[in-house]
Protein backbone atom coordinates (compact mmCIF):
# COMPACT_ATOMS: atom_id res chain seq x y z
CA MET A 1 55.76 -36.87 7.34
CA SER A 2 58.96 -35.49 8.98
CA GLY A 3 59.09 -33.62 5.79
CA ASP A 4 56.16 -32.22 6.44
CA HIS A 5 57.08 -30.62 9.77
CA GLN A 6 59.89 -29.32 8.75
CA HIS A 7 58.38 -27.54 6.06
CA ASP A 8 56.03 -26.00 8.50
CA HIS A 9 58.62 -25.40 10.70
CA ALA A 10 60.58 -23.15 8.34
CA HIS A 11 57.10 -21.08 7.88
CA GLU A 12 56.98 -20.56 11.16
CA ASP A 13 60.09 -18.92 11.79
CA HIS A 14 59.29 -17.23 8.44
CA TRP A 15 56.58 -15.39 9.91
CA ARG A 16 58.57 -15.08 13.10
CA GLU A 17 60.97 -12.82 11.72
CA ASN A 18 58.11 -10.95 8.80
CA GLY A 19 55.00 -11.12 10.72
CA VAL A 20 53.11 -8.71 13.29
CA ARG A 21 55.34 -6.14 15.11
CA VAL A 22 54.95 -4.23 17.90
CA VAL A 23 56.07 -0.68 17.61
CA PRO A 24 55.73 0.82 21.24
CA GLY A 25 54.85 4.35 21.63
CA SER A 26 57.50 5.60 23.41
CA SER A 27 59.47 4.59 20.56
CA LEU A 28 58.36 6.87 17.46
CA ASP A 29 60.52 8.70 15.20
CA ALA A 30 60.28 12.58 15.23
CA ASN A 31 62.79 11.91 12.00
CA THR A 32 59.87 13.27 9.53
CA ALA A 33 58.98 15.58 7.44
CA GLN A 34 57.55 18.20 9.84
CA THR A 35 54.91 21.47 9.58
CA ALA A 36 55.37 24.85 12.12
CA GLY A 37 53.00 24.03 15.12
CA MET A 38 53.05 20.44 15.15
CA ASN A 39 55.14 17.48 15.98
CA ARG A 40 54.88 14.12 13.65
CA ALA A 41 56.61 11.12 14.57
CA ALA A 42 56.77 7.87 12.66
CA ALA A 43 55.59 4.42 13.89
CA ILE A 44 55.15 2.22 10.82
CA ASN A 45 57.11 2.93 7.57
CA PHE A 46 59.27 1.14 5.81
CA ALA A 47 62.56 1.60 7.23
CA ARG A 48 60.97 0.95 10.92
CA VAL A 49 58.73 -2.18 10.07
CA GLY A 50 58.84 -3.08 6.13
CA ALA A 51 55.59 -1.48 5.43
CA GLN A 52 55.33 -1.24 1.61
CA LYS A 53 52.43 0.96 1.13
CA LEU A 54 51.27 2.43 4.40
CA TRP A 55 52.84 5.16 6.50
CA ALA A 56 51.19 6.07 10.24
CA GLY A 57 52.12 7.94 12.95
CA THR A 58 51.57 10.36 16.07
CA VAL A 59 50.90 14.14 15.45
CA THR A 60 50.47 16.67 18.62
CA ILE A 61 49.53 20.36 18.22
CA HIS A 62 49.52 22.44 21.16
CA PRO A 63 47.22 23.91 22.84
CA HIS A 64 45.95 27.10 20.93
CA ALA A 65 48.54 26.01 18.21
CA LYS A 66 47.84 25.73 14.27
CA THR A 67 50.05 24.47 11.95
CA GLY A 68 50.84 26.15 8.36
CA ALA A 69 48.89 25.89 5.53
CA HIS A 70 50.29 22.83 3.51
CA HIS A 71 49.19 19.66 1.48
CA HIS A 72 50.74 16.02 1.14
CA GLY A 73 50.89 15.62 -2.61
CA GLU A 74 49.24 12.71 -4.08
CA LEU A 75 48.98 11.01 -0.76
CA GLU A 76 45.69 10.12 1.08
CA SER A 77 45.73 10.76 4.63
CA VAL A 78 43.51 9.65 7.34
CA ILE A 79 43.74 11.65 10.89
CA TYR A 80 41.85 9.80 14.11
CA VAL A 81 41.28 12.32 17.09
CA VAL A 82 42.53 10.37 19.89
CA LYS A 83 42.27 13.61 22.93
CA GLY A 84 41.77 17.01 22.28
CA LYS A 85 39.61 19.48 19.50
CA ALA A 86 40.48 19.43 16.34
CA ARG A 87 39.79 22.44 13.84
CA MET A 88 40.41 21.53 10.22
CA ARG A 89 40.64 24.54 7.73
CA TRP A 90 41.09 23.48 3.76
CA GLY A 91 40.58 24.91 0.26
CA GLU A 92 42.81 27.52 -1.70
CA GLN A 93 42.05 30.29 0.90
CA LEU A 94 41.74 27.82 3.59
CA GLN A 95 38.19 28.88 3.45
CA TYR A 96 36.15 26.01 4.53
CA THR A 97 36.43 24.33 8.12
CA ALA A 98 34.97 21.54 10.69
CA GLU A 99 35.31 20.35 13.99
CA ALA A 100 36.59 16.81 14.94
CA GLY A 101 36.68 15.28 18.69
CA PRO A 102 37.73 12.27 20.41
CA GLY A 103 36.84 9.22 18.08
CA ASP A 104 35.99 11.47 15.18
CA PHE A 105 37.90 10.60 11.41
CA ILE A 106 39.11 12.93 9.37
CA PHE A 107 39.96 12.18 5.75
CA VAL A 108 42.43 14.79 3.68
CA PRO A 109 42.39 13.78 0.03
CA PRO A 110 45.16 14.38 -2.28
CA PHE A 111 46.46 17.98 -3.24
CA VAL A 112 43.99 19.38 -0.62
CA PRO A 113 45.45 22.84 0.53
CA HIS A 114 45.10 22.67 4.65
CA GLN A 115 45.58 23.56 7.99
CA GLU A 116 45.38 21.73 11.29
CA ILE A 117 44.24 23.74 14.67
CA ASN A 118 44.21 23.23 18.29
CA ALA A 119 40.54 24.69 19.64
CA SER A 120 41.45 24.23 23.07
CA ASP A 121 43.47 27.06 24.69
CA ASP A 122 44.72 24.49 27.46
CA GLU A 123 45.18 20.18 26.53
CA PRO A 124 47.16 19.33 23.40
CA LEU A 125 45.72 17.80 20.35
CA GLU A 126 46.86 14.17 19.79
CA CYS A 127 46.40 12.76 16.74
CA VAL A 128 46.97 8.77 14.73
CA LEU A 129 47.99 9.56 11.38
CA VAL A 130 47.94 7.26 8.24
CA ARG A 131 49.14 8.07 5.09
CA SER A 132 48.63 5.80 1.88
CA ASP A 133 52.22 5.59 1.14
CA GLN A 134 55.89 5.56 2.18
CA GLU A 135 56.86 9.15 0.67
CA ALA A 136 56.97 11.95 3.67
CA VAL A 137 55.64 14.31 0.84
CA VAL A 138 55.00 17.82 3.39
CA VAL A 139 54.21 20.77 0.72
CA ASN A 140 54.35 23.72 3.06
CA LEU A 141 52.16 26.52 1.54
CA ASP A 142 52.08 30.11 1.77
CA ILE A 143 49.08 31.44 0.45
CA PRO A 144 46.18 33.98 1.69
CA VAL A 145 43.71 33.23 3.82
CA VAL A 146 40.14 34.05 4.12
CA GLU A 147 39.49 35.53 7.70
CA LYS A 148 35.79 33.72 8.53
CA PRO A 149 35.77 30.26 7.18
CA GLU A 150 32.61 28.57 6.14
CA THR A 151 31.90 25.84 8.34
CA VAL A 152 31.56 22.56 6.31
CA LEU A 153 29.08 19.68 7.94
CA TRP A 154 29.85 16.31 6.84
CA VAL A 155 27.04 14.88 4.14
CA ASP A 156 27.34 11.37 2.44
CA PRO A 157 24.88 9.83 0.61
CA ILE A 158 23.66 7.47 3.77
CA HIS A 159 24.15 10.31 6.48
CA LYS A 160 22.52 13.29 6.37
CA ALA A 161 23.76 16.68 7.49
CA PRO A 162 21.98 16.85 11.60
CA ASP A 163 19.85 20.49 10.08
CA GLU A 164 18.39 17.88 7.19
CA SER A 165 14.98 16.51 7.95
CA SER A 166 14.16 13.33 5.92
CA CYS A 167 11.94 13.49 3.42
CA GLY A 168 9.91 10.27 1.99
């Protein structure tokens, strides 16, 4: 029995050093790829906690500011709006737009040209950002932008757009 106890103890020590990590919000790392108009800070990555498949951090966009057009290569991105009002533009000429507020999630597929905009004149836009890989891929783009983008409402096979009536 004492052998089993030693094994359990060694296993516990392994998890102590290789288990859950808490990264205080006050110790995020701003030494990451940046895009004009926003401040990114890393919380979870390989260097900080040993993450193999994810990158997570925060992004803050100042009132009435917008980022330059960019994409993140093969990476998928998820943005969770904590505070403020986000306006996303995307497409080859940023011709589409949608808005999100606190509690909303935004999904950005690979290679999609996009721009984040703080739609508020007086409140910072604060978001949590998660990417599908460790690579800090940010490809800043110089593209022509349409003046009046088309608003796109979120629709999937389960949830219909607010203006659609259900047909039996």
